[in-house]
N, C-alpha and C. Protein backbone atom coordinates (compact mmCIF):
# COMPACT_ATOMS: atom_id res chain seq x y z
N MET A 1 -21.89 -257.18 -68.77
CA MET A 1 -21.81 -256.70 -67.38
C MET A 1 -21.84 -257.87 -66.40
N THR A 2 -20.94 -257.87 -65.42
CA THR A 2 -20.90 -258.92 -64.41
C THR A 2 -22.00 -258.69 -63.39
N MET A 3 -22.90 -259.66 -63.27
CA MET A 3 -24.02 -259.52 -62.36
C MET A 3 -23.69 -260.03 -60.95
N TYR A 4 -23.01 -261.18 -60.91
CA TYR A 4 -22.68 -261.76 -59.60
C TYR A 4 -21.26 -262.31 -59.63
N GLU A 5 -20.62 -262.24 -58.48
CA GLU A 5 -19.27 -262.79 -58.35
C GLU A 5 -19.16 -263.61 -57.07
N ASP A 6 -18.27 -264.60 -57.11
CA ASP A 6 -17.92 -265.39 -55.94
C ASP A 6 -16.59 -264.86 -55.41
N TYR A 7 -16.42 -264.87 -54.09
CA TYR A 7 -15.18 -264.43 -53.47
C TYR A 7 -14.65 -265.52 -52.55
N LEU A 8 -13.35 -265.72 -52.57
CA LEU A 8 -12.70 -266.71 -51.72
C LEU A 8 -11.57 -266.03 -50.96
N MET A 9 -11.62 -266.13 -49.63
CA MET A 9 -10.57 -265.57 -48.78
C MET A 9 -9.74 -266.70 -48.22
N LEU A 10 -8.42 -266.58 -48.34
CA LEU A 10 -7.57 -267.68 -47.93
C LEU A 10 -6.24 -267.18 -47.38
N LEU A 11 -5.57 -268.07 -46.64
CA LEU A 11 -4.21 -267.84 -46.16
C LEU A 11 -3.29 -268.70 -47.01
N SER A 12 -2.23 -268.11 -47.51
CA SER A 12 -1.32 -268.83 -48.39
C SER A 12 0.01 -269.07 -47.68
N PRO A 13 0.43 -270.32 -47.53
CA PRO A 13 1.72 -270.59 -46.88
C PRO A 13 2.88 -270.24 -47.80
N PRO A 14 4.09 -270.18 -47.28
CA PRO A 14 5.27 -269.87 -48.11
C PRO A 14 5.56 -270.98 -49.11
N GLU A 15 6.46 -270.68 -50.05
CA GLU A 15 6.72 -271.60 -51.16
C GLU A 15 7.24 -272.95 -50.69
N GLY A 16 8.04 -272.97 -49.62
CA GLY A 16 8.55 -274.26 -49.12
C GLY A 16 7.43 -275.19 -48.71
N ILE A 17 6.42 -274.65 -48.02
CA ILE A 17 5.27 -275.45 -47.61
C ILE A 17 4.47 -275.89 -48.83
N LYS A 18 4.24 -274.97 -49.77
CA LYS A 18 3.51 -275.32 -50.99
C LYS A 18 4.19 -276.47 -51.72
N HIS A 19 5.50 -276.41 -51.80
CA HIS A 19 6.25 -277.46 -52.48
C HIS A 19 6.05 -278.81 -51.79
N GLU A 20 6.12 -278.80 -50.46
CA GLU A 20 5.97 -280.04 -49.70
C GLU A 20 4.58 -280.64 -49.89
N ILE A 21 3.54 -279.80 -49.83
CA ILE A 21 2.17 -280.29 -50.02
C ILE A 21 1.98 -280.83 -51.43
N THR A 22 2.57 -280.16 -52.42
CA THR A 22 2.48 -280.63 -53.80
C THR A 22 3.09 -282.02 -53.94
N ARG A 23 4.17 -282.28 -53.23
CA ARG A 23 4.79 -283.61 -53.27
C ARG A 23 3.84 -284.68 -52.76
N TYR A 24 3.11 -284.37 -51.68
CA TYR A 24 2.14 -285.33 -51.15
C TYR A 24 0.96 -285.52 -52.11
N LYS A 25 0.55 -284.46 -52.78
CA LYS A 25 -0.53 -284.57 -53.76
C LYS A 25 -0.11 -285.48 -54.92
N LYS A 26 1.10 -285.27 -55.42
CA LYS A 26 1.58 -286.07 -56.54
C LYS A 26 1.77 -287.53 -56.14
N ALA A 27 2.28 -287.77 -54.94
CA ALA A 27 2.44 -289.14 -54.47
C ALA A 27 1.09 -289.84 -54.35
N SER A 28 0.08 -289.08 -53.91
CA SER A 28 -1.27 -289.65 -53.81
C SER A 28 -1.82 -289.99 -55.18
N ALA A 29 -1.61 -289.11 -56.15
CA ALA A 29 -2.11 -289.34 -57.51
C ALA A 29 -1.49 -290.57 -58.13
N LYS A 30 -0.25 -290.88 -57.78
CA LYS A 30 0.40 -292.07 -58.32
C LYS A 30 -0.30 -293.34 -57.85
N LEU A 31 -0.92 -293.26 -56.67
CA LEU A 31 -1.58 -294.44 -56.11
C LEU A 31 -3.04 -294.56 -56.54
N ILE A 32 -3.77 -293.44 -56.61
CA ILE A 32 -5.21 -293.52 -56.86
C ILE A 32 -5.65 -292.84 -58.15
N GLY A 33 -4.74 -292.21 -58.88
CA GLY A 33 -5.11 -291.50 -60.10
C GLY A 33 -5.56 -290.08 -59.79
N ASN A 34 -6.10 -289.41 -60.80
CA ASN A 34 -6.53 -288.02 -60.64
C ASN A 34 -7.66 -287.88 -59.63
N TYR A 35 -7.69 -286.74 -58.93
CA TYR A 35 -8.73 -286.49 -57.93
C TYR A 35 -8.92 -284.98 -57.79
N LYS A 36 -10.05 -284.58 -57.17
CA LYS A 36 -10.33 -283.17 -56.92
C LYS A 36 -9.22 -282.57 -56.05
N SER A 37 -8.86 -281.34 -56.30
CA SER A 37 -7.85 -280.59 -55.55
C SER A 37 -6.43 -281.00 -55.89
N MET A 38 -6.26 -281.92 -56.83
CA MET A 38 -4.92 -282.41 -57.17
C MET A 38 -4.00 -281.28 -57.60
N ASP A 39 -4.53 -280.33 -58.36
CA ASP A 39 -3.71 -279.24 -58.89
C ASP A 39 -3.89 -277.93 -58.14
N SER A 40 -4.65 -277.94 -57.05
CA SER A 40 -4.88 -276.73 -56.28
C SER A 40 -3.68 -276.40 -55.40
N PRO A 41 -3.17 -275.15 -55.46
CA PRO A 41 -2.04 -274.79 -54.59
C PRO A 41 -2.43 -274.87 -53.12
N ALA A 42 -1.47 -275.19 -52.28
CA ALA A 42 -1.72 -275.30 -50.85
C ALA A 42 -2.24 -273.99 -50.28
N HIS A 43 -3.32 -274.05 -49.49
CA HIS A 43 -3.88 -272.86 -48.86
C HIS A 43 -4.77 -273.25 -47.70
N ILE A 44 -5.10 -272.28 -46.87
CA ILE A 44 -6.06 -272.45 -45.77
C ILE A 44 -7.27 -271.59 -46.08
N SER A 45 -8.40 -272.19 -46.32
CA SER A 45 -9.61 -271.44 -46.63
C SER A 45 -10.16 -270.76 -45.38
N ILE A 46 -10.55 -269.50 -45.53
CA ILE A 46 -11.13 -268.74 -44.43
C ILE A 46 -12.61 -268.46 -44.67
N GLN A 47 -12.95 -268.01 -45.87
CA GLN A 47 -14.35 -267.67 -46.15
C GLN A 47 -14.62 -267.78 -47.65
N HIS A 48 -15.80 -268.33 -47.98
CA HIS A 48 -16.23 -268.45 -49.38
C HIS A 48 -17.59 -267.78 -49.50
N LEU A 49 -17.64 -266.69 -50.26
CA LEU A 49 -18.87 -265.94 -50.46
C LEU A 49 -19.35 -266.15 -51.90
N GLU A 50 -20.56 -266.65 -52.05
CA GLU A 50 -21.08 -266.95 -53.38
C GLU A 50 -22.19 -265.97 -53.78
N ARG A 51 -22.29 -265.72 -55.08
CA ARG A 51 -23.34 -264.90 -55.67
C ARG A 51 -23.46 -263.53 -55.01
N GLN A 52 -22.34 -262.82 -54.98
CA GLN A 52 -22.31 -261.47 -54.41
C GLN A 52 -22.39 -260.43 -55.53
N LYS A 53 -23.11 -259.35 -55.29
CA LYS A 53 -23.10 -258.24 -56.24
C LYS A 53 -21.79 -257.49 -56.09
N PRO A 54 -21.02 -257.32 -57.18
CA PRO A 54 -19.69 -256.71 -57.05
C PRO A 54 -19.69 -255.36 -56.36
N PHE A 55 -20.63 -254.47 -56.69
CA PHE A 55 -20.60 -253.14 -56.08
C PHE A 55 -20.85 -253.21 -54.59
N MET A 56 -21.63 -254.23 -54.15
CA MET A 56 -21.87 -254.38 -52.72
C MET A 56 -20.63 -254.89 -52.01
N ALA A 57 -19.96 -255.85 -52.62
CA ALA A 57 -18.76 -256.41 -52.00
C ALA A 57 -17.64 -255.39 -51.93
N GLU A 58 -17.46 -254.64 -52.99
CA GLU A 58 -16.33 -253.72 -53.06
C GLU A 58 -16.50 -252.52 -52.12
N THR A 59 -17.72 -252.18 -51.75
CA THR A 59 -17.91 -251.08 -50.80
C THR A 59 -17.42 -251.48 -49.41
N ASN A 60 -17.25 -252.79 -49.18
CA ASN A 60 -16.79 -253.25 -47.87
C ASN A 60 -15.28 -253.42 -47.80
N ILE A 61 -14.60 -253.27 -48.92
CA ILE A 61 -13.17 -253.56 -48.97
C ILE A 61 -12.37 -252.66 -48.02
N ASP A 62 -12.67 -251.37 -48.00
CA ASP A 62 -11.92 -250.45 -47.14
C ASP A 62 -12.08 -250.82 -45.67
N ARG A 63 -13.30 -251.15 -45.29
CA ARG A 63 -13.54 -251.53 -43.90
C ARG A 63 -12.80 -252.81 -43.55
N ILE A 64 -12.88 -253.80 -44.43
CA ILE A 64 -12.19 -255.07 -44.19
C ILE A 64 -10.69 -254.85 -44.08
N GLU A 65 -10.14 -254.02 -44.96
CA GLU A 65 -8.70 -253.78 -44.94
C GLU A 65 -8.26 -253.14 -43.63
N LYS A 66 -8.99 -252.15 -43.17
CA LYS A 66 -8.64 -251.49 -41.90
C LYS A 66 -8.70 -252.47 -40.74
N ASP A 67 -9.71 -253.33 -40.74
CA ASP A 67 -9.85 -254.30 -39.66
C ASP A 67 -8.73 -255.34 -39.68
N LEU A 68 -8.42 -255.84 -40.88
CA LEU A 68 -7.40 -256.89 -40.97
C LEU A 68 -6.00 -256.35 -40.73
N ASN A 69 -5.78 -255.08 -41.03
CA ASN A 69 -4.48 -254.47 -40.76
C ASN A 69 -4.16 -254.44 -39.27
N THR A 70 -5.18 -254.55 -38.42
CA THR A 70 -4.96 -254.52 -36.97
C THR A 70 -4.55 -255.88 -36.41
N LEU A 71 -4.60 -256.93 -37.25
CA LEU A 71 -4.17 -258.26 -36.81
C LEU A 71 -2.66 -258.41 -36.96
N PRO A 72 -2.02 -259.19 -36.08
CA PRO A 72 -0.60 -259.49 -36.25
C PRO A 72 -0.41 -260.67 -37.19
N PRO A 73 0.77 -260.83 -37.78
CA PRO A 73 1.07 -262.08 -38.49
C PRO A 73 0.90 -263.25 -37.53
N VAL A 74 0.61 -264.43 -38.05
CA VAL A 74 0.37 -265.58 -37.19
C VAL A 74 1.36 -266.70 -37.52
N LEU A 75 1.88 -267.32 -36.47
CA LEU A 75 2.79 -268.45 -36.62
C LEU A 75 1.98 -269.74 -36.53
N LEU A 76 1.99 -270.51 -37.60
CA LEU A 76 1.25 -271.77 -37.66
C LEU A 76 2.21 -272.94 -37.80
N HIS A 77 1.73 -274.12 -37.40
CA HIS A 77 2.52 -275.34 -37.53
C HIS A 77 1.68 -276.43 -38.19
N ILE A 78 2.18 -276.99 -39.28
CA ILE A 78 1.61 -278.25 -39.76
C ILE A 78 2.04 -279.33 -38.79
N ASP A 79 1.09 -280.17 -38.39
CA ASP A 79 1.38 -281.21 -37.40
C ASP A 79 0.68 -282.51 -37.79
N GLY A 80 1.26 -283.22 -38.74
CA GLY A 80 0.70 -284.50 -39.17
C GLY A 80 -0.51 -284.35 -40.07
N PHE A 81 -1.24 -285.46 -40.24
CA PHE A 81 -2.37 -285.50 -41.16
C PHE A 81 -3.62 -286.03 -40.47
N LYS A 82 -4.78 -285.53 -40.90
CA LYS A 82 -6.07 -286.00 -40.42
C LYS A 82 -7.02 -286.09 -41.61
N TYR A 83 -8.28 -286.40 -41.35
CA TYR A 83 -9.24 -286.52 -42.45
C TYR A 83 -10.64 -286.11 -42.02
N PHE A 84 -11.41 -285.65 -43.00
CA PHE A 84 -12.83 -285.38 -42.83
C PHE A 84 -13.63 -286.51 -43.47
N THR A 85 -14.79 -286.81 -42.87
CA THR A 85 -15.71 -287.78 -43.44
C THR A 85 -16.92 -287.04 -43.98
N HIS A 86 -17.27 -287.30 -45.25
CA HIS A 86 -18.42 -286.66 -45.88
C HIS A 86 -19.54 -287.68 -46.11
N LEU A 87 -20.64 -287.22 -46.67
CA LEU A 87 -21.73 -288.12 -47.01
C LEU A 87 -21.32 -289.08 -48.12
N HIS A 88 -22.02 -290.20 -48.19
CA HIS A 88 -21.85 -291.18 -49.27
C HIS A 88 -20.43 -291.76 -49.31
N ASN A 89 -19.84 -291.93 -48.13
CA ASN A 89 -18.54 -292.57 -48.01
C ASN A 89 -17.46 -291.84 -48.80
N ARG A 90 -17.49 -290.51 -48.75
CA ARG A 90 -16.45 -289.68 -49.38
C ARG A 90 -15.55 -289.13 -48.28
N MET A 91 -14.27 -288.96 -48.59
CA MET A 91 -13.29 -288.58 -47.58
C MET A 91 -12.36 -287.49 -48.10
N THR A 92 -11.82 -286.70 -47.17
CA THR A 92 -10.81 -285.69 -47.50
C THR A 92 -9.64 -285.83 -46.53
N ILE A 93 -8.45 -286.00 -47.07
CA ILE A 93 -7.23 -286.06 -46.26
C ILE A 93 -6.57 -284.68 -46.27
N TYR A 94 -6.14 -284.23 -45.11
CA TYR A 94 -5.56 -282.89 -45.03
C TYR A 94 -4.39 -282.83 -44.06
N ALA A 95 -3.53 -281.82 -44.26
CA ALA A 95 -2.46 -281.53 -43.32
C ALA A 95 -3.06 -280.73 -42.16
N HIS A 96 -2.88 -281.24 -40.97
CA HIS A 96 -3.47 -280.65 -39.77
C HIS A 96 -2.68 -279.44 -39.30
N ILE A 97 -3.39 -278.37 -38.94
CA ILE A 97 -2.76 -277.19 -38.34
C ILE A 97 -2.92 -277.27 -36.82
N ARG A 98 -1.80 -277.25 -36.11
CA ARG A 98 -1.83 -277.35 -34.65
C ARG A 98 -2.57 -276.16 -34.05
N ILE A 99 -3.50 -276.45 -33.14
CA ILE A 99 -4.28 -275.39 -32.49
C ILE A 99 -3.76 -275.18 -31.07
N THR A 100 -3.19 -274.01 -30.84
CA THR A 100 -2.75 -273.60 -29.51
C THR A 100 -3.67 -272.48 -29.04
N PRO A 101 -3.62 -272.10 -27.78
CA PRO A 101 -4.46 -270.98 -27.33
C PRO A 101 -4.25 -269.71 -28.16
N SER A 102 -3.01 -269.40 -28.53
CA SER A 102 -2.75 -268.17 -29.29
C SER A 102 -3.29 -268.29 -30.72
N VAL A 103 -3.17 -269.48 -31.32
CA VAL A 103 -3.70 -269.69 -32.67
C VAL A 103 -5.23 -269.63 -32.64
N ASP A 104 -5.83 -270.24 -31.63
CA ASP A 104 -7.28 -270.20 -31.51
C ASP A 104 -7.77 -268.77 -31.34
N GLU A 105 -7.06 -267.99 -30.54
CA GLU A 105 -7.43 -266.58 -30.33
C GLU A 105 -7.32 -265.80 -31.64
N TRP A 106 -6.27 -266.07 -32.42
CA TRP A 106 -6.07 -265.36 -33.68
C TRP A 106 -7.21 -265.67 -34.66
N PHE A 107 -7.59 -266.94 -34.78
CA PHE A 107 -8.68 -267.29 -35.71
C PHE A 107 -10.02 -266.76 -35.21
N THR A 108 -10.19 -266.69 -33.89
CA THR A 108 -11.41 -266.08 -33.36
C THR A 108 -11.47 -264.61 -33.75
N SER A 109 -10.33 -263.93 -33.72
CA SER A 109 -10.28 -262.51 -34.08
C SER A 109 -10.59 -262.30 -35.56
N ILE A 110 -10.03 -263.13 -36.42
CA ILE A 110 -10.28 -262.92 -37.85
C ILE A 110 -11.73 -263.26 -38.20
N LYS A 111 -12.30 -264.23 -37.52
CA LYS A 111 -13.72 -264.53 -37.73
C LYS A 111 -14.59 -263.34 -37.33
N ARG A 112 -14.24 -262.71 -36.22
CA ARG A 112 -15.02 -261.56 -35.75
C ARG A 112 -14.91 -260.40 -36.73
N LYS A 113 -13.72 -260.15 -37.24
CA LYS A 113 -13.51 -259.02 -38.16
C LYS A 113 -14.19 -259.25 -39.51
N LEU A 114 -14.30 -260.51 -39.93
CA LEU A 114 -14.95 -260.82 -41.20
C LEU A 114 -16.40 -261.24 -41.03
N LYS A 115 -16.87 -261.19 -39.78
CA LYS A 115 -18.27 -261.53 -39.45
C LYS A 115 -18.60 -262.96 -39.91
N ILE A 116 -17.71 -263.86 -39.61
CA ILE A 116 -17.90 -265.28 -39.93
C ILE A 116 -18.50 -265.98 -38.72
N ARG A 117 -19.58 -266.68 -38.93
CA ARG A 117 -20.24 -267.37 -37.82
C ARG A 117 -19.91 -268.85 -37.75
N LYS A 118 -19.60 -269.44 -38.88
CA LYS A 118 -19.35 -270.88 -38.90
C LYS A 118 -17.99 -271.21 -38.28
N THR A 119 -17.82 -272.45 -37.88
CA THR A 119 -16.56 -272.91 -37.31
C THR A 119 -15.50 -273.03 -38.41
N ILE A 120 -14.30 -272.56 -38.12
CA ILE A 120 -13.18 -272.73 -39.04
C ILE A 120 -12.24 -273.77 -38.45
N ILE A 121 -11.98 -274.83 -39.21
CA ILE A 121 -10.97 -275.82 -38.83
C ILE A 121 -9.79 -275.61 -39.76
N PRO A 122 -8.75 -274.90 -39.31
CA PRO A 122 -7.62 -274.60 -40.20
C PRO A 122 -6.97 -275.89 -40.70
N HIS A 123 -6.81 -276.00 -42.00
CA HIS A 123 -6.21 -277.20 -42.58
C HIS A 123 -5.76 -276.91 -44.00
N ILE A 124 -4.89 -277.75 -44.52
CA ILE A 124 -4.44 -277.67 -45.90
C ILE A 124 -4.81 -278.97 -46.59
N THR A 125 -5.73 -278.91 -47.53
CA THR A 125 -6.24 -280.11 -48.17
C THR A 125 -5.16 -280.80 -49.01
N ILE A 126 -5.11 -282.12 -48.87
CA ILE A 126 -4.26 -282.94 -49.74
C ILE A 126 -5.13 -283.58 -50.83
N THR A 127 -6.05 -284.45 -50.43
CA THR A 127 -6.95 -285.11 -51.38
C THR A 127 -8.39 -284.80 -50.97
N ARG A 128 -9.13 -284.11 -51.79
CA ARG A 128 -10.49 -283.68 -51.45
C ARG A 128 -11.54 -284.59 -52.06
N ASP A 129 -12.48 -285.03 -51.21
CA ASP A 129 -13.68 -285.72 -51.68
C ASP A 129 -13.34 -286.97 -52.50
N ILE A 130 -12.48 -287.83 -51.95
CA ILE A 130 -12.15 -289.07 -52.64
C ILE A 130 -13.06 -290.19 -52.14
N SER A 131 -13.13 -291.27 -52.89
CA SER A 131 -14.00 -292.39 -52.52
C SER A 131 -13.42 -293.12 -51.31
N GLY A 132 -14.29 -293.88 -50.65
CA GLY A 132 -13.85 -294.67 -49.50
C GLY A 132 -12.76 -295.66 -49.87
N ASN A 133 -12.85 -296.26 -51.05
CA ASN A 133 -11.83 -297.22 -51.49
C ASN A 133 -10.48 -296.54 -51.69
N ASP A 134 -10.50 -295.34 -52.30
CA ASP A 134 -9.25 -294.61 -52.49
C ASP A 134 -8.67 -294.19 -51.14
N PHE A 135 -9.55 -293.79 -50.24
CA PHE A 135 -9.09 -293.41 -48.89
C PHE A 135 -8.42 -294.59 -48.20
N ASP A 136 -9.04 -295.77 -48.28
CA ASP A 136 -8.48 -296.96 -47.62
C ASP A 136 -7.10 -297.30 -48.19
N GLN A 137 -6.89 -296.98 -49.45
CA GLN A 137 -5.60 -297.24 -50.06
C GLN A 137 -4.56 -296.20 -49.64
N LEU A 138 -5.00 -294.94 -49.48
CA LEU A 138 -4.07 -293.86 -49.17
C LEU A 138 -3.76 -293.70 -47.69
N TRP A 139 -4.77 -293.78 -46.85
CA TRP A 139 -4.62 -293.37 -45.46
C TRP A 139 -3.50 -294.11 -44.71
N PRO A 140 -3.28 -295.42 -44.93
CA PRO A 140 -2.17 -296.07 -44.22
C PRO A 140 -0.82 -295.41 -44.49
N ASN A 141 -0.69 -294.71 -45.62
CA ASN A 141 0.55 -294.02 -45.93
C ASN A 141 0.67 -292.68 -45.22
N PHE A 142 -0.47 -292.13 -44.76
CA PHE A 142 -0.48 -290.83 -44.10
C PHE A 142 -0.54 -290.91 -42.58
N ARG A 143 -1.18 -291.93 -42.05
CA ARG A 143 -1.59 -291.91 -40.65
C ARG A 143 -0.41 -291.79 -39.68
N HIS A 144 0.74 -292.31 -40.04
CA HIS A 144 1.88 -292.25 -39.13
C HIS A 144 2.97 -291.28 -39.60
N LYS A 145 2.68 -290.50 -40.64
CA LYS A 145 3.66 -289.52 -41.11
C LYS A 145 3.82 -288.40 -40.09
N LYS A 146 5.05 -288.08 -39.72
CA LYS A 146 5.32 -287.05 -38.73
C LYS A 146 5.80 -285.77 -39.41
N LEU A 147 4.95 -285.21 -40.24
CA LEU A 147 5.29 -283.93 -40.88
C LEU A 147 4.99 -282.80 -39.90
N VAL A 148 6.01 -282.12 -39.42
CA VAL A 148 5.85 -280.98 -38.52
C VAL A 148 6.65 -279.83 -39.10
N GLU A 149 5.96 -278.82 -39.57
CA GLU A 149 6.61 -277.68 -40.21
C GLU A 149 5.99 -276.36 -39.75
N PRO A 150 6.78 -275.41 -39.26
CA PRO A 150 6.26 -274.09 -38.88
C PRO A 150 6.30 -273.13 -40.06
N PHE A 151 5.39 -272.19 -40.08
CA PHE A 151 5.43 -271.16 -41.11
C PHE A 151 4.64 -269.94 -40.65
N TRP A 152 5.05 -268.78 -41.17
CA TRP A 152 4.37 -267.52 -40.86
C TRP A 152 3.37 -267.18 -41.95
N VAL A 153 2.25 -266.59 -41.56
CA VAL A 153 1.28 -266.04 -42.51
C VAL A 153 1.16 -264.55 -42.22
N ASN A 154 1.45 -263.73 -43.21
CA ASN A 154 1.49 -262.27 -43.05
C ASN A 154 0.34 -261.54 -43.74
N GLU A 155 -0.50 -262.28 -44.46
CA GLU A 155 -1.55 -261.62 -45.24
C GLU A 155 -2.69 -262.57 -45.55
N LEU A 156 -3.83 -261.99 -45.86
CA LEU A 156 -4.99 -262.74 -46.34
C LEU A 156 -5.19 -262.38 -47.81
N ILE A 157 -5.40 -263.38 -48.64
CA ILE A 157 -5.57 -263.17 -50.08
C ILE A 157 -7.04 -263.36 -50.44
N MET A 158 -7.56 -262.46 -51.25
CA MET A 158 -8.95 -262.53 -51.68
C MET A 158 -8.98 -262.76 -53.20
N LEU A 159 -9.63 -263.84 -53.60
CA LEU A 159 -9.80 -264.17 -55.02
C LEU A 159 -11.25 -263.92 -55.42
N LYS A 160 -11.48 -263.79 -56.72
CA LYS A 160 -12.86 -263.65 -57.18
C LYS A 160 -13.02 -264.34 -58.54
N ARG A 161 -14.28 -264.65 -58.88
CA ARG A 161 -14.61 -265.20 -60.18
C ARG A 161 -16.06 -264.88 -60.50
N GLU A 162 -16.41 -264.88 -61.78
CA GLU A 162 -17.80 -264.64 -62.17
C GLU A 162 -18.62 -265.88 -61.85
N THR A 163 -19.73 -265.68 -61.13
CA THR A 163 -20.54 -266.80 -60.68
C THR A 163 -21.06 -267.63 -61.84
N PHE A 164 -21.59 -266.99 -62.87
CA PHE A 164 -22.25 -267.72 -63.94
C PHE A 164 -21.45 -267.73 -65.24
N ALA A 165 -20.14 -267.55 -65.15
CA ALA A 165 -19.30 -267.62 -66.33
C ALA A 165 -19.29 -269.04 -66.88
N HIS A 166 -19.01 -269.17 -68.18
CA HIS A 166 -19.01 -270.49 -68.81
C HIS A 166 -17.95 -271.40 -68.18
N SER A 167 -16.77 -270.86 -67.98
CA SER A 167 -15.69 -271.59 -67.30
C SER A 167 -15.07 -270.68 -66.25
N PRO A 168 -15.73 -270.53 -65.10
CA PRO A 168 -15.27 -269.56 -64.09
C PRO A 168 -13.87 -269.90 -63.58
N GLN A 169 -13.02 -268.88 -63.52
CA GLN A 169 -11.65 -269.04 -63.04
C GLN A 169 -11.38 -268.05 -61.91
N TRP A 170 -10.73 -268.53 -60.87
CA TRP A 170 -10.36 -267.65 -59.77
C TRP A 170 -9.21 -266.74 -60.20
N THR A 171 -9.34 -265.45 -59.89
CA THR A 171 -8.27 -264.48 -60.15
C THR A 171 -8.02 -263.68 -58.88
N SER A 172 -6.79 -263.19 -58.74
CA SER A 172 -6.44 -262.39 -57.57
C SER A 172 -7.22 -261.08 -57.58
N PHE A 173 -7.77 -260.70 -56.43
CA PHE A 173 -8.57 -259.50 -56.33
C PHE A 173 -7.98 -258.50 -55.34
N LYS A 174 -7.56 -258.98 -54.17
CA LYS A 174 -7.07 -258.06 -53.14
C LYS A 174 -6.21 -258.82 -52.13
N VAL A 175 -5.18 -258.16 -51.62
CA VAL A 175 -4.34 -258.72 -50.56
C VAL A 175 -4.42 -257.81 -49.34
N PHE A 176 -4.71 -258.41 -48.18
CA PHE A 176 -4.83 -257.66 -46.94
C PHE A 176 -3.67 -258.05 -46.02
N GLU A 177 -2.87 -257.09 -45.62
CA GLU A 177 -1.72 -257.38 -44.77
C GLU A 177 -2.10 -257.38 -43.29
N PHE A 178 -1.43 -258.25 -42.53
CA PHE A 178 -1.54 -258.25 -41.08
C PHE A 178 -0.37 -257.43 -40.54
N ARG A 179 -0.64 -256.26 -40.00
CA ARG A 179 0.42 -255.30 -39.70
C ARG A 179 0.72 -255.10 -38.22
N SER A 180 -0.14 -255.57 -37.35
CA SER A 180 0.06 -255.29 -35.93
C SER A 180 1.20 -256.13 -35.35
N ASN A 181 1.91 -255.54 -34.38
CA ASN A 181 2.94 -256.28 -33.64
C ASN A 181 2.39 -256.86 -32.35
N LYS A 182 1.17 -256.51 -32.01
CA LYS A 182 0.57 -256.97 -30.76
C LYS A 182 0.35 -258.47 -30.79
N GLY A 183 0.83 -259.13 -29.75
CA GLY A 183 0.63 -260.56 -29.63
C GLY A 183 1.57 -261.38 -30.50
N ALA A 184 2.53 -260.73 -31.16
CA ALA A 184 3.47 -261.48 -32.01
C ALA A 184 4.40 -262.32 -31.13
N ALA A 185 4.92 -263.39 -31.73
CA ALA A 185 5.82 -264.28 -30.99
C ALA A 185 7.09 -263.54 -30.60
N ASN A 186 7.77 -264.00 -29.55
CA ASN A 186 9.01 -263.35 -29.15
C ASN A 186 10.08 -263.59 -30.21
N ASN A 187 11.15 -262.77 -30.16
CA ASN A 187 12.15 -262.81 -31.22
C ASN A 187 12.82 -264.17 -31.35
N ALA A 188 13.09 -264.82 -30.23
CA ALA A 188 13.77 -266.11 -30.29
C ALA A 188 12.93 -267.12 -31.05
N GLU A 189 11.64 -267.19 -30.71
CA GLU A 189 10.75 -268.13 -31.38
C GLU A 189 10.64 -267.79 -32.85
N ALA A 190 10.57 -266.50 -33.16
CA ALA A 190 10.43 -266.08 -34.55
C ALA A 190 11.64 -266.48 -35.37
N ILE A 191 12.84 -266.28 -34.81
CA ILE A 191 14.06 -266.62 -35.53
C ILE A 191 14.13 -268.12 -35.78
N ILE A 192 13.83 -268.92 -34.75
CA ILE A 192 13.86 -270.37 -34.89
C ILE A 192 12.87 -270.83 -35.94
N SER A 193 11.65 -270.27 -35.88
CA SER A 193 10.62 -270.68 -36.82
C SER A 193 10.98 -270.34 -38.25
N LYS A 194 11.48 -269.13 -38.48
CA LYS A 194 11.83 -268.72 -39.83
C LYS A 194 12.95 -269.59 -40.39
N GLN A 195 13.92 -269.95 -39.52
CA GLN A 195 15.01 -270.80 -39.97
C GLN A 195 14.48 -272.18 -40.33
N ALA A 196 13.56 -272.71 -39.50
CA ALA A 196 13.00 -274.03 -39.78
C ALA A 196 12.24 -274.03 -41.08
N THR A 197 11.49 -272.95 -41.33
CA THR A 197 10.74 -272.85 -42.58
C THR A 197 11.69 -272.79 -43.76
N ALA A 198 12.76 -272.06 -43.63
CA ALA A 198 13.72 -271.93 -44.72
C ALA A 198 14.40 -273.24 -45.03
N ASP A 199 14.49 -274.15 -44.02
CA ASP A 199 15.20 -275.41 -44.20
C ASP A 199 14.31 -276.55 -44.66
N ILE A 200 13.04 -276.27 -44.95
CA ILE A 200 12.11 -277.34 -45.31
C ILE A 200 12.63 -278.18 -46.47
N THR A 201 13.12 -277.52 -47.51
CA THR A 201 13.53 -278.26 -48.70
C THR A 201 14.73 -279.16 -48.40
N LEU A 202 15.48 -278.92 -47.33
CA LEU A 202 16.61 -279.76 -46.98
C LEU A 202 16.17 -281.02 -46.26
N GLN A 203 14.90 -281.03 -45.78
CA GLN A 203 14.41 -282.16 -45.01
C GLN A 203 13.58 -283.13 -45.85
N ASN A 204 13.41 -282.85 -47.15
CA ASN A 204 12.55 -283.67 -48.00
C ASN A 204 13.01 -285.13 -48.03
N GLN A 205 12.03 -286.02 -47.94
CA GLN A 205 12.31 -287.42 -48.08
C GLN A 205 12.34 -287.76 -49.57
N ILE A 206 13.13 -288.80 -49.94
CA ILE A 206 13.18 -289.21 -51.33
C ILE A 206 11.86 -289.84 -51.75
N ASN A 207 11.34 -290.75 -50.90
CA ASN A 207 10.06 -291.38 -51.18
C ASN A 207 9.09 -291.08 -50.04
N LEU A 208 7.91 -290.53 -50.38
CA LEU A 208 6.94 -290.20 -49.34
C LEU A 208 6.23 -291.44 -48.85
N PHE A 209 5.86 -292.33 -49.75
CA PHE A 209 5.09 -293.52 -49.37
C PHE A 209 5.94 -294.78 -49.62
């Protein structure tokens, strides 16, 4: 019997964006070797719930679904790269998500619906928790990169795993759609953005670094 489970809620970008982020991960690995998050698919983390009783979590699913269905899809833009500084001279390089008033309002809404109190800094991790030396080697290759890519997010994905399993693995648990048209971008912007997203693979550079 499963006593406790962990849940992870995330936003998943389209395949073109995932492909582009994977290219940056692989280019980084060629310079510094294997690292945490190297094989993790591109995503934006929203909430991580640890040691939850399954029956308690699942009783909230209907409420969460109804609340999230009232959100509109959100248009996001990758806009270059930034980094987080951790304790003990550890660093994380990530693809920055541009924050506009409408994007900030959307994330404020999803935090309220999921009862999240902590600050969310939307980002897509490239290299997580690497050493200062590895960062010093990598960052000059990222700091002036002008990666600007728009993409739509239409759903929130919920994963789960057994907390105390011998080798816990994340598995898909639930998908919540954003169904509202309220506050959606105008048609012209939507058409331009979707076309730009579709053309990502045509803009790939031969060598990233």
